Amino acid sequence: VFGKGSQTRSFCYVSDLVDGLYRLMQSDERYPVNLGNPREMTIL
């Protein structure tokens, strides 16, 4: 663990990310859309 481990990350399982990318490709959106998991936790 680097530092004290207090830095945060949000982890998204691959099947969720693929589903989000698929939905984005099927849409007419041409601007960036954040995909990921908003549940944040520390590295520790």
PDB file of all heavy atoms in Angstrom:
ATOM      1  N   VAL A   1       0.877  -1.161   0.000  1.00  0.00           N
ATOM      2  CA  VAL A   1       0.000   0.000   0.000  1.00  0.00           C
ATOM      3  C   VAL A   1       0.918   1.217   0.000  1.00  0.00           C
ATOM      4  O   VAL A   1       1.875   1.281   0.773  1.00  0.00           O
ATOM      5  CB  VAL A   1      -0.916   0.008   1.247  1.00  0.00           C
ATOM      6  CG1 VAL A   1      -1.634   1.330   1.390  1.00  0.00           C
ATOM      7  CG2 VAL A   1      -1.915  -1.136   1.176  1.00  0.00           C
ATOM      8  N   PHE A   2       0.620   2.152  -0.877  1.00  0.00           N
ATOM      9  CA  PHE A   2       1.457   3.347  -0.970  1.00  0.00           C
ATOM     10  C   PHE A   2       0.905   4.450  -0.085  1.00  0.00           C
ATOM     11  O   PHE A   2      -0.305   4.623   0.036  1.00  0.00           O
ATOM     12  CB  PHE A   2       1.572   3.799  -2.421  1.00  0.00           C
ATOM     13  CG  PHE A   2       2.340   2.815  -3.256  1.00  0.00           C
ATOM     14  CD1 PHE A   2       1.678   1.852  -3.996  1.00  0.00           C
ATOM     15  CD2 PHE A   2       3.728   2.822  -3.258  1.00  0.00           C
ATOM     16  CE1 PHE A   2       2.382   0.926  -4.737  1.00  0.00           C
ATOM     17  CE2 PHE A   2       4.440   1.894  -3.991  1.00  0.00           C
ATOM     18  CZ  PHE A   2       3.767   0.943  -4.734  1.00  0.00           C
ATOM     19  N   GLY A   3       1.817   5.178   0.552  1.00  0.00           N
ATOM     20  CA  GLY A   3       1.427   6.202   1.508  1.00  0.00           C
ATOM     21  C   GLY A   3       0.794   5.539   2.717  1.00  0.00           C
ATOM     22  O   GLY A   3       1.160   4.441   3.112  1.00  0.00           O
ATOM     23  N   LYS A   4      -0.196   6.197   3.278  1.00  0.00           N
ATOM     24  CA  LYS A   4      -0.926   5.640   4.421  1.00  0.00           C
ATOM     25  C   LYS A   4      -2.137   4.834   3.956  1.00  0.00           C
ATOM     26  O   LYS A   4      -2.864   4.275   4.761  1.00  0.00           O
ATOM     27  CB  LYS A   4      -1.373   6.755   5.356  1.00  0.00           C
ATOM     28  CG  LYS A   4      -0.215   7.479   6.018  1.00  0.00           C
ATOM     29  CD  LYS A   4      -0.703   8.601   6.903  1.00  0.00           C
ATOM     30  CE  LYS A   4       0.483   9.335   7.511  1.00  0.00           C
ATOM     31  NZ  LYS A   4       0.063  10.482   8.298  1.00  0.00           N
ATOM     32  N   GLY A   5      -2.364   4.824   2.624  1.00  0.00           N
ATOM     33  CA  GLY A   5      -3.522   4.112   2.092  1.00  0.00           C
ATOM     34  C   GLY A   5      -4.801   4.920   2.190  1.00  0.00           C
ATOM     35  O   GLY A   5      -5.886   4.388   1.998  1.00  0.00           O
ATOM     36  N   SER A   6      -4.679   6.214   2.459  1.00  0.00           N
ATOM     37  CA  SER A   6      -5.869   7.042   2.624  1.00  0.00           C
ATOM     38  C   SER A   6      -6.410   7.574   1.296  1.00  0.00           C
ATOM     39  O   SER A   6      -7.521   8.113   1.259  1.00  0.00           O
ATOM     40  CB  SER A   6      -5.574   8.215   3.565  1.00  0.00           C
ATOM     41  OG  SER A   6      -4.542   9.026   3.030  1.00  0.00           O
ATOM     42  N   GLN A   7      -5.645   7.403   0.216  1.00  0.00           N
ATOM     43  CA  GLN A   7      -6.142   7.824  -1.085  1.00  0.00           C
ATOM     44  C   GLN A   7      -7.324   6.929  -1.469  1.00  0.00           C
ATOM     45  O   GLN A   7      -7.373   5.769  -1.089  1.00  0.00           O
ATOM     46  CB  GLN A   7      -5.042   7.814  -2.149  1.00  0.00           C
ATOM     47  CG  GLN A   7      -4.409   6.486  -2.451  1.00  0.00           C
ATOM     48  CD  GLN A   7      -3.282   6.087  -1.514  1.00  0.00           C
ATOM     49  OE1 GLN A   7      -3.308   6.371  -0.325  1.00  0.00           O
ATOM     50  NE2 GLN A   7      -2.299   5.369  -2.036  1.00  0.00           N
ATOM     51  N   THR A   8      -8.282   7.477  -2.176  1.00  0.00           N
ATOM     52  CA  THR A   8      -9.494   6.714  -2.477  1.00  0.00           C
ATOM     53  C   THR A   8      -9.554   6.299  -3.939  1.00  0.00           C
ATOM     54  O   THR A   8      -8.985   6.941  -4.812  1.00  0.00           O
ATOM     55  CB  THR A   8     -10.768   7.514  -2.140  1.00  0.00           C
ATOM     56  OG1 THR A   8     -10.835   8.673  -2.967  1.00  0.00           O
ATOM     57  CG2 THR A   8     -10.803   7.891  -0.670  1.00  0.00           C
ATOM     58  N   ARG A   9     -10.263   5.205  -4.147  1.00  0.00           N
ATOM     59  CA  ARG A   9     -10.526   4.698  -5.486  1.00  0.00           C
ATOM     60  C   ARG A   9     -11.950   4.169  -5.509  1.00  0.00           C
ATOM     61  O   ARG A   9     -12.542   3.875  -4.476  1.00  0.00           O
ATOM     62  CB  ARG A   9      -9.561   3.566  -5.866  1.00  0.00           C
ATOM     63  CG  ARG A   9      -8.095   3.955  -5.893  1.00  0.00           C
ATOM     64  CD  ARG A   9      -7.795   4.990  -6.983  1.00  0.00           C
ATOM     65  NE  ARG A   9      -6.383   5.320  -7.039  1.00  0.00           N
ATOM     66  CZ  ARG A   9      -5.805   6.316  -6.375  1.00  0.00           C
ATOM     67  NH1 ARG A   9      -6.519   7.079  -5.564  1.00  0.00           N
ATOM     68  NH2 ARG A   9      -4.519   6.546  -6.490  1.00  0.00           N
ATOM     69  N   SER A  10     -12.463   4.034  -6.708  1.00  0.00           N
ATOM     70  CA  SER A  10     -13.793   3.468  -6.916  1.00  0.00           C
ATOM     71  C   SER A  10     -13.622   2.321  -7.905  1.00  0.00           C
ATOM     72  O   SER A  10     -13.102   2.524  -8.996  1.00  0.00           O
ATOM     73  CB  SER A  10     -14.735   4.526  -7.486  1.00  0.00           C
ATOM     74  OG  SER A  10     -14.857   5.606  -6.595  1.00  0.00           O
ATOM     75  N   PHE A  11     -14.049   1.142  -7.532  1.00  0.00           N
ATOM     76  CA  PHE A  11     -13.836  -0.050  -8.344  1.00  0.00           C
ATOM     77  C   PHE A  11     -15.140  -0.477  -9.002  1.00  0.00           C
ATOM     78  O   PHE A  11     -16.179  -0.543  -8.353  1.00  0.00           O
ATOM     79  CB  PHE A  11     -13.283  -1.186  -7.478  1.00  0.00           C
ATOM     80  CG  PHE A  11     -11.950  -0.837  -6.877  1.00  0.00           C
ATOM     81  CD1 PHE A  11     -11.872  -0.328  -5.593  1.00  0.00           C
ATOM     82  CD2 PHE A  11     -10.786  -0.986  -7.604  1.00  0.00           C
ATOM     83  CE1 PHE A  11     -10.649   0.018  -5.032  1.00  0.00           C
ATOM     84  CE2 PHE A  11      -9.558  -0.637  -7.065  1.00  0.00           C
ATOM     85  CZ  PHE A  11      -9.488  -0.136  -5.768  1.00  0.00           C
ATOM     86  N   CYS A  12     -15.049  -0.774 -10.285  1.00  0.00           N
ATOM     87  CA  CYS A  12     -16.219  -1.177 -11.061  1.00  0.00           C
ATOM     88  C   CYS A  12     -15.927  -2.539 -11.691  1.00  0.00           C
ATOM     89  O   CYS A  12     -14.897  -2.715 -12.350  1.00  0.00           O
ATOM     90  CB  CYS A  12     -16.498  -0.135 -12.144  1.00  0.00           C
ATOM     91  SG  CYS A  12     -18.022  -0.394 -13.058  1.00  0.00           S
ATOM     92  N   TYR A  13     -16.824  -3.484 -11.485  1.00  0.00           N
ATOM     93  CA  TYR A  13     -16.617  -4.819 -12.036  1.00  0.00           C
ATOM     94  C   TYR A  13     -16.752  -4.778 -13.555  1.00  0.00           C
ATOM     95  O   TYR A  13     -17.558  -4.033 -14.108  1.00  0.00           O
ATOM     96  CB  TYR A  13     -17.611  -5.816 -11.425  1.00  0.00           C
ATOM     97  CG  TYR A  13     -17.194  -7.244 -11.652  1.00  0.00           C
ATOM     98  CD1 TYR A  13     -16.050  -7.754 -11.052  1.00  0.00           C
ATOM     99  CD2 TYR A  13     -17.919  -8.079 -12.481  1.00  0.00           C
ATOM    100  CE1 TYR A  13     -15.642  -9.060 -11.264  1.00  0.00           C
ATOM    101  CE2 TYR A  13     -17.527  -9.388 -12.693  1.00  0.00           C
ATOM    102  CZ  TYR A  13     -16.385  -9.871 -12.082  1.00  0.00           C
ATOM    103  OH  TYR A  13     -15.982 -11.165 -12.300  1.00  0.00           O
ATOM    104  N   VAL A  14     -15.977  -5.584 -14.233  1.00  0.00           N
ATOM    105  CA  VAL A  14     -15.870  -5.529 -15.687  1.00  0.00           C
ATOM    106  C   VAL A  14     -17.215  -5.720 -16.399  1.00  0.00           C
ATOM    107  O   VAL A  14     -17.479  -5.055 -17.397  1.00  0.00           O
ATOM    108  CB  VAL A  14     -14.802  -6.534 -16.194  1.00  0.00           C
ATOM    109  CG1 VAL A  14     -15.235  -7.964 -15.924  1.00  0.00           C
ATOM    110  CG2 VAL A  14     -14.486  -6.301 -17.653  1.00  0.00           C
ATOM    111  N   SER A  15     -18.077  -6.589 -15.903  1.00  0.00           N
ATOM    112  CA  SER A  15     -19.368  -6.797 -16.581  1.00  0.00           C
ATOM    113  C   SER A  15     -20.224  -5.534 -16.528  1.00  0.00           C
ATOM    114  O   SER A  15     -20.944  -5.225 -17.489  1.00  0.00           O
ATOM    115  CB  SER A  15     -20.124  -7.982 -15.973  1.00  0.00           C
ATOM    116  OG  SER A  15     -20.413  -7.749 -14.607  1.00  0.00           O
ATOM    117  N   ASP A  16     -20.133  -4.777 -15.437  1.00  0.00           N
ATOM    118  CA  ASP A  16     -20.854  -3.509 -15.358  1.00  0.00           C
ATOM    119  C   ASP A  16     -20.284  -2.502 -16.346  1.00  0.00           C
ATOM    120  O   ASP A  16     -21.032  -1.793 -17.038  1.00  0.00           O
ATOM    121  CB  ASP A  16     -20.770  -2.927 -13.946  1.00  0.00           C
ATOM    122  CG  ASP A  16     -21.684  -3.624 -12.958  1.00  0.00           C
ATOM    123  OD1 ASP A  16     -22.706  -4.203 -13.382  1.00  0.00           O
ATOM    124  OD2 ASP A  16     -21.379  -3.585 -11.754  1.00  0.00           O
ATOM    125  N   LEU A  17     -18.983  -2.428 -16.429  1.00  0.00           N
ATOM    126  CA  LEU A  17     -18.346  -1.493 -17.348  1.00  0.00           C
ATOM    127  C   LEU A  17     -18.676  -1.832 -18.796  1.00  0.00           C
ATOM    128  O   LEU A  17     -18.994  -0.944 -19.592  1.00  0.00           O
ATOM    129  CB  LEU A  17     -16.835  -1.477 -17.128  1.00  0.00           C
ATOM    130  CG  LEU A  17     -16.064  -0.414 -17.892  1.00  0.00           C
ATOM    131  CD1 LEU A  17     -16.588   0.985 -17.581  1.00  0.00           C
ATOM    132  CD2 LEU A  17     -14.592  -0.502 -17.556  1.00  0.00           C
ATOM    133  N   VAL A  18     -18.632  -3.102 -19.144  1.00  0.00           N
ATOM    134  CA  VAL A  18     -18.974  -3.516 -20.511  1.00  0.00           C
ATOM    135  C   VAL A  18     -20.423  -3.153 -20.832  1.00  0.00           C
ATOM    136  O   VAL A  18     -20.715  -2.649 -21.916  1.00  0.00           O
ATOM    137  CB  VAL A  18     -18.715  -5.034 -20.712  1.00  0.00           C
ATOM    138  CG1 VAL A  18     -19.317  -5.532 -22.011  1.00  0.00           C
ATOM    139  CG2 VAL A  18     -17.216  -5.317 -20.671  1.00  0.00           C
ATOM    140  N   ASP A  19     -21.331  -3.371 -19.881  1.00  0.00           N
ATOM    141  CA  ASP A  19     -22.728  -3.000 -20.087  1.00  0.00           C
ATOM    142  C   ASP A  19     -22.857  -1.496 -20.331  1.00  0.00           C
ATOM    143  O   ASP A  19     -23.580  -1.063 -21.235  1.00  0.00           O
ATOM    144  CB  ASP A  19     -23.572  -3.425 -18.883  1.00  0.00           C
ATOM    145  CG  ASP A  19     -25.032  -3.045 -19.034  1.00  0.00           C
ATOM    146  OD1 ASP A  19     -25.611  -3.299 -20.117  1.00  0.00           O
ATOM    147  OD2 ASP A  19     -25.601  -2.500 -18.066  1.00  0.00           O
ATOM    148  N   GLY A  20     -22.151  -0.692 -19.549  1.00  0.00           N
ATOM    149  CA  GLY A  20     -22.194   0.758 -19.738  1.00  0.00           C
ATOM    150  C   GLY A  20     -21.637   1.176 -21.086  1.00  0.00           C
ATOM    151  O   GLY A  20     -22.206   2.037 -21.767  1.00  0.00           O
ATOM    152  N   LEU A  21     -20.527   0.571 -21.492  1.00  0.00           N
ATOM    153  CA  LEU A  21     -19.949   0.883 -22.805  1.00  0.00           C
ATOM    154  C   LEU A  21     -20.889   0.486 -23.935  1.00  0.00           C
ATOM    155  O   LEU A  21     -21.043   1.220 -24.925  1.00  0.00           O
ATOM    156  CB  LEU A  21     -18.594   0.179 -22.969  1.00  0.00           C
ATOM    157  CG  LEU A  21     -17.458   0.736 -22.122  1.00  0.00           C
ATOM    158  CD1 LEU A  21     -16.252  -0.192 -22.180  1.00  0.00           C
ATOM    159  CD2 LEU A  21     -17.092   2.146 -22.568  1.00  0.00           C
ATOM    160  N   TYR A  22     -21.523  -0.663 -23.796  1.00  0.00           N
ATOM    161  CA  TYR A  22     -22.476  -1.123 -24.813  1.00  0.00           C
ATOM    162  C   TYR A  22     -23.634  -0.130 -24.934  1.00  0.00           C
ATOM    163  O   TYR A  22     -24.023   0.265 -26.039  1.00  0.00           O
ATOM    164  CB  TYR A  22     -22.989  -2.523 -24.477  1.00  0.00           C
ATOM    165  CG  TYR A  22     -23.989  -3.031 -25.475  1.00  0.00           C
ATOM    166  CD1 TYR A  22     -23.574  -3.495 -26.721  1.00  0.00           C
ATOM    167  CD2 TYR A  22     -25.340  -3.022 -25.183  1.00  0.00           C
ATOM    168  CE1 TYR A  22     -24.491  -3.937 -27.661  1.00  0.00           C
ATOM    169  CE2 TYR A  22     -26.272  -3.468 -26.102  1.00  0.00           C
ATOM    170  CZ  TYR A  22     -25.844  -3.922 -27.349  1.00  0.00           C
ATOM    171  OH  TYR A  22     -26.768  -4.348 -28.263  1.00  0.00           O
ATOM    172  N   ARG A  23     -24.179   0.265 -23.802  1.00  0.00           N
ATOM    173  CA  ARG A  23     -25.296   1.226 -23.828  1.00  0.00           C
ATOM    174  C   ARG A  23     -24.859   2.552 -24.444  1.00  0.00           C
ATOM    175  O   ARG A  23     -25.615   3.177 -25.185  1.00  0.00           O
ATOM    176  CB  ARG A  23     -25.823   1.464 -22.416  1.00  0.00           C
ATOM    177  CG  ARG A  23     -26.565   0.281 -21.840  1.00  0.00           C
ATOM    178  CD  ARG A  23     -27.051   0.594 -20.443  1.00  0.00           C
ATOM    179  NE  ARG A  23     -27.542  -0.584 -19.772  1.00  0.00           N
ATOM    180  CZ  ARG A  23     -28.572  -0.575 -18.935  1.00  0.00           C
ATOM    181  NH1 ARG A  23     -29.204   0.555 -18.664  1.00  0.00           N
ATOM    182  NH2 ARG A  23     -28.957  -1.683 -18.355  1.00  0.00           N
ATOM    183  N   LEU A  24     -23.646   2.980 -24.133  1.00  0.00           N
ATOM    184  CA  LEU A  24     -23.133   4.223 -24.702  1.00  0.00           C
ATOM    185  C   LEU A  24     -22.981   4.105 -26.215  1.00  0.00           C
ATOM    186  O   LEU A  24     -23.360   5.015 -26.957  1.00  0.00           O
ATOM    187  CB  LEU A  24     -21.802   4.596 -24.048  1.00  0.00           C
ATOM    188  CG  LEU A  24     -21.158   5.895 -24.509  1.00  0.00           C
ATOM    189  CD1 LEU A  24     -22.092   7.088 -24.289  1.00  0.00           C
ATOM    190  CD2 LEU A  24     -19.834   6.107 -23.779  1.00  0.00           C
ATOM    191  N   MET A  25     -22.461   2.981 -26.683  1.00  0.00           N
ATOM    192  CA  MET A  25     -22.306   2.784 -28.136  1.00  0.00           C
ATOM    193  C   MET A  25     -23.651   2.753 -28.851  1.00  0.00           C
ATOM    194  O   MET A  25     -23.747   3.170 -30.000  1.00  0.00           O
ATOM    195  CB  MET A  25     -21.535   1.490 -28.422  1.00  0.00           C
ATOM    196  CG  MET A  25     -20.071   1.583 -28.082  1.00  0.00           C
ATOM    197  SD  MET A  25     -19.125   0.134 -28.590  1.00  0.00           S
ATOM    198  CE  MET A  25     -19.910  -1.172 -27.690  1.00  0.00           C
ATOM    199  N   GLN A  26     -24.686   2.279 -28.179  1.00  0.00           N
ATOM    200  CA  GLN A  26     -26.019   2.207 -28.780  1.00  0.00           C
ATOM    201  C   GLN A  26     -26.752   3.551 -28.737  1.00  0.00           C
ATOM    202  O   GLN A  26     -27.770   3.716 -29.390  1.00  0.00           O
ATOM    203  CB  GLN A  26     -26.859   1.140 -28.070  1.00  0.00           C
ATOM    204  CG  GLN A  26     -26.309  -0.268 -28.182  1.00  0.00           C
ATOM    205  CD  GLN A  26     -26.210  -0.734 -29.631  1.00  0.00           C
ATOM    206  OE1 GLN A  26     -27.165  -0.635 -30.385  1.00  0.00           O
ATOM    207  NE2 GLN A  26     -25.040  -1.210 -30.017  1.00  0.00           N
ATOM    208  N   SER A  27     -26.229   4.489 -27.981  1.00  0.00           N
ATOM    209  CA  SER A  27     -26.876   5.790 -27.852  1.00  0.00           C
ATOM    210  C   SER A  27     -26.379   6.748 -28.932  1.00  0.00           C
ATOM    211  O   SER A  27     -25.449   6.444 -29.678  1.00  0.00           O
ATOM    212  CB  SER A  27     -26.593   6.389 -26.474  1.00  0.00           C
ATOM    213  OG  SER A  27     -25.287   6.928 -26.409  1.00  0.00           O
ATOM    214  N   ASP A  28     -26.993   7.899 -28.994  1.00  0.00           N
ATOM    215  CA  ASP A  28     -26.573   8.949 -29.930  1.00  0.00           C
ATOM    216  C   ASP A  28     -25.613   9.942 -29.280  1.00  0.00           C
ATOM    217  O   ASP A  28     -25.243  10.931 -29.907  1.00  0.00           O
ATOM    218  CB  ASP A  28     -27.804   9.707 -30.452  1.00  0.00           C
ATOM    219  CG  ASP A  28     -28.693   8.844 -31.323  1.00  0.00           C
ATOM    220  OD1 ASP A  28     -28.161   7.957 -32.030  1.00  0.00           O
ATOM    221  OD2 ASP A  28     -29.932   9.045 -31.295  1.00  0.00           O
ATOM    222  N   GLU A  29     -25.219   9.680 -28.043  1.00  0.00           N
ATOM    223  CA  GLU A  29     -24.342  10.604 -27.312  1.00  0.00           C
ATOM    224  C   GLU A  29     -22.968  10.665 -27.973  1.00  0.00           C
ATOM    225  O   GLU A  29     -22.380   9.634 -28.306  1.00  0.00           O
ATOM    226  CB  GLU A  29     -24.195  10.160 -25.858  1.00  0.00           C
ATOM    227  CG  GLU A  29     -23.393  11.100 -24.999  1.00  0.00           C
ATOM    228  CD  GLU A  29     -23.983  12.500 -24.933  1.00  0.00           C
ATOM    229  OE1 GLU A  29     -25.225  12.637 -24.887  1.00  0.00           O
ATOM    230  OE2 GLU A  29     -23.191  13.465 -24.925  1.00  0.00           O
ATOM    231  N   ARG A  30     -22.473  11.869 -28.162  1.00  0.00           N
ATOM    232  CA  ARG A  30     -21.150  12.019 -28.772  1.00  0.00           C
ATOM    233  C   ARG A  30     -20.164  12.718 -27.844  1.00  0.00           C
ATOM    234  O   ARG A  30     -19.031  12.981 -28.215  1.00  0.00           O
ATOM    235  CB  ARG A  30     -21.240  12.755 -30.104  1.00  0.00           C
ATOM    236  CG  ARG A  30     -21.865  14.111 -30.030  1.00  0.00           C
ATOM    237  CD  ARG A  30     -22.098  14.678 -31.432  1.00  0.00           C
ATOM    238  NE  ARG A  30     -22.582  16.025 -31.338  1.00  0.00           N
ATOM    239  CZ  ARG A  30     -21.867  17.098 -31.647  1.00  0.00           C
ATOM    240  NH1 ARG A  30     -20.648  16.961 -32.107  1.00  0.00           N
ATOM    241  NH2 ARG A  30     -22.370  18.295 -31.511  1.00  0.00           N
ATOM    242  N   TYR A  31     -20.592  13.000 -26.631  1.00  0.00           N
ATOM    243  CA  TYR A  31     -19.726  13.630 -25.646  1.00  0.00           C
ATOM    244  C   TYR A  31     -19.376  12.621 -24.549  1.00  0.00           C
ATOM    245  O   TYR A  31     -20.062  11.622 -24.383  1.00  0.00           O
ATOM    246  CB  TYR A  31     -20.399  14.872 -25.056  1.00  0.00           C
ATOM    247  CG  TYR A  31     -20.579  15.960 -26.088  1.00  0.00           C
ATOM    248  CD1 TYR A  31     -21.829  16.225 -26.638  1.00  0.00           C
ATOM    249  CD2 TYR A  31     -19.484  16.698 -26.538  1.00  0.00           C
ATOM    250  CE1 TYR A  31     -21.988  17.199 -27.604  1.00  0.00           C
ATOM    251  CE2 TYR A  31     -19.638  17.676 -27.508  1.00  0.00           C
ATOM    252  CZ  TYR A  31     -20.890  17.925 -28.033  1.00  0.00           C
ATOM    253  OH  TYR A  31     -21.037  18.890 -29.004  1.00  0.00           O
ATOM    254  N   PRO A  32     -18.329  12.908 -23.797  1.00  0.00           N
ATOM    255  CA  PRO A  32     -17.910  11.955 -22.755  1.00  0.00           C
ATOM    256  C   PRO A  32     -18.997  11.668 -21.720  1.00  0.00           C
ATOM    257  O   PRO A  32     -19.771  12.549 -21.356  1.00  0.00           O
ATOM    258  CB  PRO A  32     -16.715  12.658 -22.096  1.00  0.00           C
ATOM    259  CG  PRO A  32     -16.205  13.606 -23.127  1.00  0.00           C
ATOM    260  CD  PRO A  32     -17.417  14.050 -23.892  1.00  0.00           C
ATOM    261  N   VAL A  33     -19.016  10.422 -21.284  1.00  0.00           N
ATOM    262  CA  VAL A  33     -19.921   9.970 -20.234  1.00  0.00           C
ATOM    263  C   VAL A  33     -19.086   9.158 -19.252  1.00  0.00           C
ATOM    264  O   VAL A  33     -18.423   8.204 -19.649  1.00  0.00           O
ATOM    265  CB  VAL A  33     -21.067   9.091 -20.799  1.00  0.00           C
ATOM    266  CG1 VAL A  33     -21.933   8.544 -19.676  1.00  0.00           C
ATOM    267  CG2 VAL A  33     -21.911   9.860 -21.807  1.00  0.00           C
ATOM    268  N   ASN A  34     -19.098   9.544 -17.995  1.00  0.00           N
ATOM    269  CA  ASN A  34     -18.357   8.792 -16.981  1.00  0.00           C
ATOM    270  C   ASN A  34     -19.045   7.472 -16.690  1.00  0.00           C
ATOM    271  O   ASN A  34     -20.248   7.432 -16.448  1.00  0.00           O
ATOM    272  CB  ASN A  34     -18.272   9.574 -15.662  1.00  0.00           C
ATOM    273  CG  ASN A  34     -17.263  10.690 -15.704  1.00  0.00           C
ATOM    274  OD1 ASN A  34     -16.341  10.676 -16.501  1.00  0.00           O
ATOM    275  ND2 ASN A  34     -17.432  11.658 -14.833  1.00  0.00           N
ATOM    276  N   LEU A  35     -18.267   6.417 -16.727  1.00  0.00           N
ATOM    277  CA  LEU A  35     -18.727   5.097 -16.314  1.00  0.00           C
ATOM    278  C   LEU A  35     -17.816   4.647 -15.190  1.00  0.00           C
ATOM    279  O   LEU A  35     -16.603   4.853 -15.240  1.00  0.00           O
ATOM    280  CB  LEU A  35     -18.646   4.099 -17.474  1.00  0.00           C
ATOM    281  CG  LEU A  35     -19.501   4.403 -18.692  1.00  0.00           C
ATOM    282  CD1 LEU A  35     -19.178   3.429 -19.814  1.00  0.00           C
ATOM    283  CD2 LEU A  35     -20.974   4.359 -18.342  1.00  0.00           C
ATOM    284  N   GLY A  36     -18.364   4.031 -14.207  1.00  0.00           N
ATOM    285  CA  GLY A  36     -17.581   3.579 -13.070  1.00  0.00           C
ATOM    286  C   GLY A  36     -18.503   3.410 -11.888  1.00  0.00           C
ATOM    287  O   GLY A  36     -19.716   3.530 -12.003  1.00  0.00           O
ATOM    288  N   ASN A  37     -17.908   3.130 -10.762  1.00  0.00           N
ATOM    289  CA  ASN A  37     -18.699   2.940  -9.560  1.00  0.00           C
ATOM    290  C   ASN A  37     -18.461   4.120  -8.629  1.00  0.00           C
ATOM    291  O   ASN A  37     -17.325   4.371  -8.244  1.00  0.00           O
ATOM    292  CB  ASN A  37     -18.296   1.637  -8.871  1.00  0.00           C
ATOM    293  CG  ASN A  37     -19.271   1.234  -7.806  1.00  0.00           C
ATOM    294  OD1 ASN A  37     -19.848   2.077  -7.129  1.00  0.00           O
ATOM    295  ND2 ASN A  37     -19.464  -0.059  -7.643  1.00  0.00           N
ATOM    296  N   PRO A  38     -19.511   4.839  -8.242  1.00  0.00           N
ATOM    297  CA  PRO A  38     -19.309   5.990  -7.377  1.00  0.00           C
ATOM    298  C   PRO A  38     -19.009   5.619  -5.916  1.00  0.00           C
ATOM    299  O   PRO A  38     -18.685   6.488  -5.117  1.00  0.00           O
ATOM    300  CB  PRO A  38     -20.628   6.758  -7.479  1.00  0.00           C
ATOM    301  CG  PRO A  38     -21.634   5.733  -7.836  1.00  0.00           C
ATOM    302  CD  PRO A  38     -20.895   4.711  -8.667  1.00  0.00           C
ATOM    303  N   ARG A  39     -19.079   4.324  -5.575  1.00  0.00           N
ATOM    304  CA  ARG A  39     -18.748   3.919  -4.205  1.00  0.00           C
ATOM    305  C   ARG A  39     -17.238   4.032  -4.014  1.00  0.00           C
ATOM    306  O   ARG A  39     -16.460   3.306  -4.622  1.00  0.00           O
ATOM    307  CB  ARG A  39     -19.194   2.489  -3.933  1.00  0.00           C
ATOM    308  CG  ARG A  39     -18.867   2.065  -2.509  1.00  0.00           C
ATOM    309  CD  ARG A  39     -19.376   0.663  -2.197  1.00  0.00           C
ATOM    310  NE  ARG A  39     -18.974   0.291  -0.858  1.00  0.00           N
ATOM    311  CZ  ARG A  39     -17.961  -0.519  -0.592  1.00  0.00           C
ATOM    312  NH1 ARG A  39     -17.256  -1.068  -1.560  1.00  0.00           N
ATOM    313  NH2 ARG A  39     -17.652  -0.810   0.658  1.00  0.00           N
ATOM    314  N   GLU A  40     -16.867   4.925  -3.166  1.00  0.00           N
ATOM    315  CA  GLU A  40     -15.462   5.247  -2.946  1.00  0.00           C
ATOM    316  C   GLU A  40     -14.966   4.557  -1.671  1.00  0.00           C
ATOM    317  O   GLU A  40     -15.705   4.434  -0.701  1.00  0.00           O
ATOM    318  CB  GLU A  40     -15.378   6.767  -2.789  1.00  0.00           C
ATOM    319  CG  GLU A  40     -14.038   7.366  -2.779  1.00  0.00           C
ATOM    320  CD  GLU A  40     -14.137   8.890  -2.709  1.00  0.00           C
ATOM    321  OE1 GLU A  40     -15.123   9.431  -2.180  1.00  0.00           O
ATOM    322  OE2 GLU A  40     -13.203   9.526  -3.175  1.00  0.00           O
ATOM    323  N   MET A  41     -13.724   4.096  -1.709  1.00  0.00           N
ATOM    324  CA  MET A  41     -13.109   3.509  -0.514  1.00  0.00           C
ATOM    325  C   MET A  41     -11.624   3.807  -0.534  1.00  0.00           C
ATOM    326  O   MET A  41     -11.052   4.088  -1.588  1.00  0.00           O
ATOM    327  CB  MET A  41     -13.370   2.002  -0.454  1.00  0.00           C
ATOM    328  CG  MET A  41     -12.679   1.197  -1.519  1.00  0.00           C
ATOM    329  SD  MET A  41     -13.156  -0.547  -1.604  1.00  0.00           S
ATOM    330  CE  MET A  41     -13.181  -1.061   0.064  1.00  0.00           C
ATOM    331  N   THR A  42     -10.999   3.716   0.626  1.00  0.00           N
ATOM    332  CA  THR A  42      -9.556   3.964   0.667  1.00  0.00           C
ATOM    333  C   THR A  42      -8.815   2.723   0.165  1.00  0.00           C
ATOM    334  O   THR A  42      -9.345   1.604   0.213  1.00  0.00           O
ATOM    335  CB  THR A  42      -9.066   4.302   2.093  1.00  0.00           C
ATOM    336  OG1 THR A  42      -9.175   3.142   2.914  1.00  0.00           O
ATOM    337  CG2 THR A  42      -9.830   5.483   2.683  1.00  0.00           C
ATOM    338  N   ILE A  43      -7.610   2.943  -0.265  1.00  0.00           N
ATOM    339  CA  ILE A  43      -6.766   1.831  -0.709  1.00  0.00           C
ATOM    340  C   ILE A  43      -6.507   0.868   0.452  1.00  0.00           C
ATOM    341  O   ILE A  43      -6.486  -0.352   0.265  1.00  0.00           O
ATOM    342  CB  ILE A  43      -5.451   2.358  -1.308  1.00  0.00           C
ATOM    343  CG1 ILE A  43      -5.718   3.083  -2.625  1.00  0.00           C
ATOM    344  CG2 ILE A  43      -4.429   1.262  -1.486  1.00  0.00           C
ATOM    345  CD1 ILE A  43      -6.265   2.196  -3.741  1.00  0.00           C
ATOM    346  N   LEU A  44      -6.344   1.399   1.648  1.00  0.00           N
ATOM    347  CA  LEU A  44      -6.134   0.528   2.812  1.00  0.00           C
ATOM    348  C   LEU A  44      -7.369  -0.335   3.058  1.00  0.00           C
ATOM    349  O   LEU A  44      -7.251  -1.534   3.321  1.00  0.00           O
ATOM    350  CB  LEU A  44      -5.785   1.353   4.046  1.00  0.00           C
ATOM    351  CG  LEU A  44      -5.473   0.558   5.310  1.00  0.00           C
ATOM    352  CD1 LEU A  44      -4.341  -0.449   5.075  1.00  0.00           C
ATOM    353  CD2 LEU A  44      -5.115   1.503   6.455  1.00  0.00           C
TER     354      LEU A  44
END
